Structure formats: C-alpha cells, structure tokens
Protein backbone atom coordinates (compact mmCIF):
# COMPACT_ATOMS: atom_id res chain seq x y z
CA MET A 1 11.13 -22.62 13.06
CA ILE A 2 8.67 -19.78 12.51
CA SER A 3 7.64 -18.56 9.08
CA TYR A 4 5.52 -15.45 8.47
CA PRO A 5 4.30 -15.18 4.89
CA SER A 6 1.63 -12.54 4.45
CA ARG A 7 -1.38 -14.74 5.25
CA HIS A 8 0.22 -17.81 6.74
CA CYS A 9 2.11 -18.57 9.96
CA THR A 10 3.66 -21.89 10.96
CA VAL A 11 5.28 -22.79 14.29
CA GLU A 12 6.98 -26.13 14.95
CA LEU A 13 7.43 -27.12 18.60
CA GLN A 14 7.44 -29.72 21.33
CA ALA A 15 4.01 -29.52 23.00
CA LEU A 16 5.31 -28.87 26.50
CA PRO A 17 3.44 -26.61 28.95
CA SER A 18 6.09 -23.87 28.74
CA ARG A 19 5.98 -23.87 24.94
CA ILE A 20 2.18 -23.71 24.82
CA GLY A 21 2.21 -20.23 26.38
CA GLN A 22 4.84 -19.10 23.87
CA VAL A 23 2.78 -20.32 20.92
CA ARG A 24 -0.31 -18.61 22.33
CA ARG A 25 1.66 -15.33 22.40
CA ILE A 26 2.92 -15.90 18.83
CA VAL A 27 -0.62 -16.54 17.58
CA SER A 28 -1.87 -13.41 19.40
CA ALA A 29 0.92 -11.27 17.92
CA GLN A 30 0.26 -12.58 14.41
CA LEU A 31 -3.46 -11.83 14.69
CA ARG A 32 -2.64 -8.30 15.89
CA TYR A 33 -0.34 -7.91 12.87
CA TRP A 34 -3.21 -8.98 10.59
CA HIS A 35 -5.54 -6.55 12.44
CA LEU A 36 -7.72 -9.40 13.69
CA ASP A 37 -7.72 -8.40 17.36
CA PRO A 38 -11.34 -9.55 17.94
CA LEU A 39 -10.25 -13.16 17.20
CA ILE A 40 -7.30 -13.29 19.62
CA ASP A 41 -9.09 -14.69 22.68
CA ARG A 42 -10.92 -17.45 20.81
CA ALA A 43 -7.88 -18.40 18.71
CA ALA A 44 -5.61 -18.47 21.78
CA LEU A 45 -8.11 -20.63 23.70
CA GLY A 46 -8.51 -23.04 20.78
CA VAL A 47 -4.78 -23.43 20.11
CA THR A 48 -4.15 -23.91 23.85
CA GLU A 49 -6.70 -26.73 24.01
CA LEU A 50 -5.32 -28.46 20.89
CA LEU A 51 -1.71 -28.22 22.12
CA THR A 52 -2.74 -29.49 25.55
CA ASN A 53 -4.29 -32.52 23.86
CA VAL A 54 -1.01 -33.17 22.01
CA HIS A 55 0.90 -32.85 25.29
CA GLN A 56 -1.43 -35.24 27.14
CA HIS A 57 -2.23 -37.81 24.47
CA ALA A 58 0.10 -37.81 21.45
CA GLN A 59 2.39 -40.81 20.89
CA PRO A 60 5.25 -41.48 20.07
CA ASP A 61 6.46 -37.91 20.64
CA LYS A 62 5.13 -34.44 21.42
CA THR A 63 6.45 -32.77 18.26
CA CYS A 64 3.77 -30.84 16.43
CA THR A 65 3.18 -27.98 14.01
CA VAL A 66 0.73 -25.14 14.60
CA GLU A 67 -0.47 -23.42 11.46
CA ILE A 68 -2.69 -20.36 11.16
CA GLU A 69 -3.91 -19.23 7.80
CA LEU A 70 -6.00 -16.22 6.88
CA LEU A 71 -8.44 -17.20 4.16
CA LEU A 72 -10.94 -14.91 2.43
CA ASP A 73 -13.51 -14.76 5.21
CA ARG A 74 -12.17 -16.98 7.98
CA LEU A 75 -9.14 -17.85 10.02
CA MET A 76 -8.02 -21.50 9.91
CA VAL A 77 -6.01 -22.78 12.89
CA SER A 78 -4.61 -26.31 12.77
CA VAL A 79 -2.31 -28.51 14.84
CA ARG A 80 -0.50 -31.41 13.17
CA ASP A 81 1.11 -34.20 15.25
CA HIS A 82 2.57 -37.68 14.70
CA ASP A 83 -0.14 -39.70 16.46
CA PRO A 84 -2.59 -41.30 13.99
CA ARG A 85 -5.37 -41.69 16.59
CA LEU A 86 -8.17 -39.21 15.91
CA PRO A 87 -9.52 -37.31 18.92
CA VAL A 88 -12.90 -38.10 20.43
CA VAL A 89 -15.15 -35.53 22.09
CA ALA A 90 -15.78 -36.65 25.66
CA ASP A 91 -19.39 -37.22 26.67
CA ILE A 92 -19.69 -35.38 29.98
CA LYS A 93 -22.21 -37.08 32.23
CA ASP A 94 -24.17 -35.30 34.95
CA GLY A 95 -21.90 -36.80 37.62
CA ASP A 96 -18.79 -35.50 35.83
CA THR A 97 -19.70 -31.81 36.07
CA LEU A 98 -16.64 -31.16 38.24
CA ALA A 99 -14.22 -33.03 35.97
CA THR A 100 -11.08 -31.05 35.20
CA CYS A 101 -10.26 -32.72 31.89
CA GLY A 102 -12.07 -34.03 28.84
CA ARG A 103 -13.67 -30.76 27.77
CA GLY A 104 -11.03 -29.28 25.46
CA LEU A 105 -12.61 -30.25 22.14
CA ALA A 106 -16.05 -29.25 23.40
CA MET A 107 -14.63 -25.79 24.18
CA VAL A 108 -13.00 -25.62 20.73
CA ALA A 109 -16.36 -26.50 19.19
CA ALA A 110 -18.10 -23.85 21.32
CA VAL A 111 -15.80 -20.96 20.37
CA SER A 112 -15.27 -21.82 16.71
CA GLU A 113 -17.34 -21.66 13.56
CA SER A 114 -16.35 -25.24 12.68
CA TRP A 115 -13.74 -27.80 13.68
CA GLY A 116 -12.58 -31.27 12.73
CA ALA A 117 -9.81 -33.84 12.54
CA ARG A 118 -8.36 -35.75 9.62
CA PRO A 119 -5.60 -38.32 9.15
CA ASP A 120 -2.31 -36.90 7.87
CA GLY A 121 -0.35 -39.51 5.97
CA GLU A 122 0.24 -42.90 7.55
CA SER A 123 1.31 -41.71 10.96
CA GLY A 124 -0.26 -38.48 12.04
CA LYS A 125 -3.32 -36.29 12.11
CA VAL A 126 -4.42 -32.68 11.82
CA VAL A 127 -6.96 -31.17 14.20
CA TRP A 128 -8.31 -27.80 13.04
CA PHE A 129 -10.88 -25.11 13.74
CA THR A 130 -12.08 -21.99 11.92
CA LEU A 131 -13.15 -18.56 13.13
CA PRO A 132 -15.08 -16.05 10.99
CA THR A 133 -13.13 -12.86 10.37
CA PRO A 134 -14.69 -9.49 11.26
CA VAL A 135 -15.06 -8.84 7.51
CA ALA A 136 -17.21 -11.96 7.18
CA ALA A 137 -19.30 -10.88 10.17
CA ALA A 138 -19.73 -7.41 8.64
CA ARG A 139 -20.84 -8.95 5.33
CA ALA A 140 -23.39 -11.12 7.13
CA ALA A 141 -24.72 -8.08 8.99
CA ALA A 142 -24.92 -6.10 5.73
CA ALA A 143 -26.95 -8.88 4.15
CA ARG A 144 -29.64 -8.49 6.82
CA PRO A 145 -32.23 -5.75 6.26
CA PRO A 146 -31.58 -2.68 8.40
CA GLN A 147 -33.64 -2.33 11.54
CA ARG A 148 -35.34 0.99 12.20
CA ALA A 149 -34.50 2.53 15.53
CA VAL A 150 -37.43 3.54 17.70
CA VAL A 151 -36.99 6.69 19.76
CA ASP A 152 -39.51 7.26 22.50
CA LYS A 153 -37.84 10.29 24.13
CA PRO A 154 -36.93 13.55 22.46
CA ALA A 155 -33.23 14.28 22.25
CA ARG A 156 -31.81 16.28 25.15
CA ARG A 157 -30.67 19.80 24.55
CA PHE A 158 -27.60 21.37 26.05
CA ALA A 159 -28.22 23.05 29.39
CA GLU A 160 -28.16 26.83 29.44
CA VAL A 161 -25.20 28.33 31.27
CA GLY A 162 -26.21 31.05 33.69
CA GLN A 163 -22.85 32.73 34.19
CA ARG A 164 -20.54 33.89 31.42
CA VAL A 165 -16.96 32.71 31.56
CA ASP A 166 -14.12 34.87 30.28
CA LEU A 167 -11.65 32.42 28.74
CA ARG A 168 -8.97 35.12 28.47
CA ARG A 169 -8.73 35.37 32.26
CA PRO A 170 -8.88 31.89 33.78
CA GLU A 171 -9.86 31.67 37.41
CA ARG A 172 -7.11 30.86 39.85
CA ALA A 173 -7.08 27.34 41.22
CA PRO A 174 -6.28 26.77 44.87
CA ALA A 175 -2.68 25.77 45.60
CA ARG A 176 -2.11 22.09 46.23
CA SER A 177 0.83 20.30 47.72
CA ALA A 178 2.27 16.99 46.65
CA VAL A 179 3.97 16.53 50.00
CA VAL A 180 2.11 14.35 52.45
CA GLY A 181 1.77 15.59 56.01
C-alpha cells in the first residue's frame, strides 16, 4: 500500500532485493514531486542501506514500512520492521578494509544530518535518518555574513568586430550530404 498525503509518504513491502529498487524509485519520485531533487541521491542511498539491513538481518519476517516525511526544515526517512534487535554500527578494523558488508549504517551516518534507532512496541524497531532540506541550507547560508568578492583582473570587454555583417542577406552555407559514401 502506498499513501501520498502532501508531506508524507508510506510504503509497505517485503524487503527483497527486487522490491528495494522499486522503493528507491518511489522515494526518488516523491522527492521530485516535493521539488527536493538535491536530496534524491542521499535519500536513495540511505533507504537502500536500511532496507538491505532488513533483508539481511530482520527476524521473523522481512515485512517493513518505509516512511518519508517532509518536516519544516528537514526530510525524515524511517524504516520500521518486526525485529526488536537494534542495529549496531560495525567497527571496521584496518584488516577489514576490503569487507563487502558491515558498512551500511556508517554510510547512512555519513550522508545524513542525523540518524538513530528506537524500539517500536514490543516486537519491532524503527531506524531513521534526516537530511536538511535546501531551504534549511539556504537559511543557514543567509545567517552567515556575506563574503566580499575580490577581483584582481578587470572585466573583459567584448571584442571589436572588423567586418560588418548584413543580417538581411545571410551568407550561403556549403551544401552537405547526409548520405555516406
């Protein structure tokens, strides 16, 4: 089931690899609809990592709910499943630099403003992350004092044209053929 209120989108699914790509496309389309295109890559990466964790680790089933919510100055993305075990960020050792798993939550933490996990009732949890909206970034930039630009070269002027061109009589272009050979 998919619901699309004005600032809220919920998708219920089985966290299977084929469904993860579909949810990523749904999240991307919803962010485009909300005119939040700059957040698409980070939101898609984060939701992919959280759904992959559900697929790999959740017990007793892979049923989950993805929720995205547009708040005043941030986007909240959360994944709710039926496994009460809270996730743990893997500690990557120097010898594990080539490991192909165990980095999902570290990537979510790297691309998001904040993230976390909380129990959800007696048998489940919610893992979430937030991204600042472009409006929030613009407000933060406006709060900083403006920087004065330093120009060390004078502006270039347009080059003078030596020959006058009569626009009423365009020059003839050479004939060209679209046939090869």
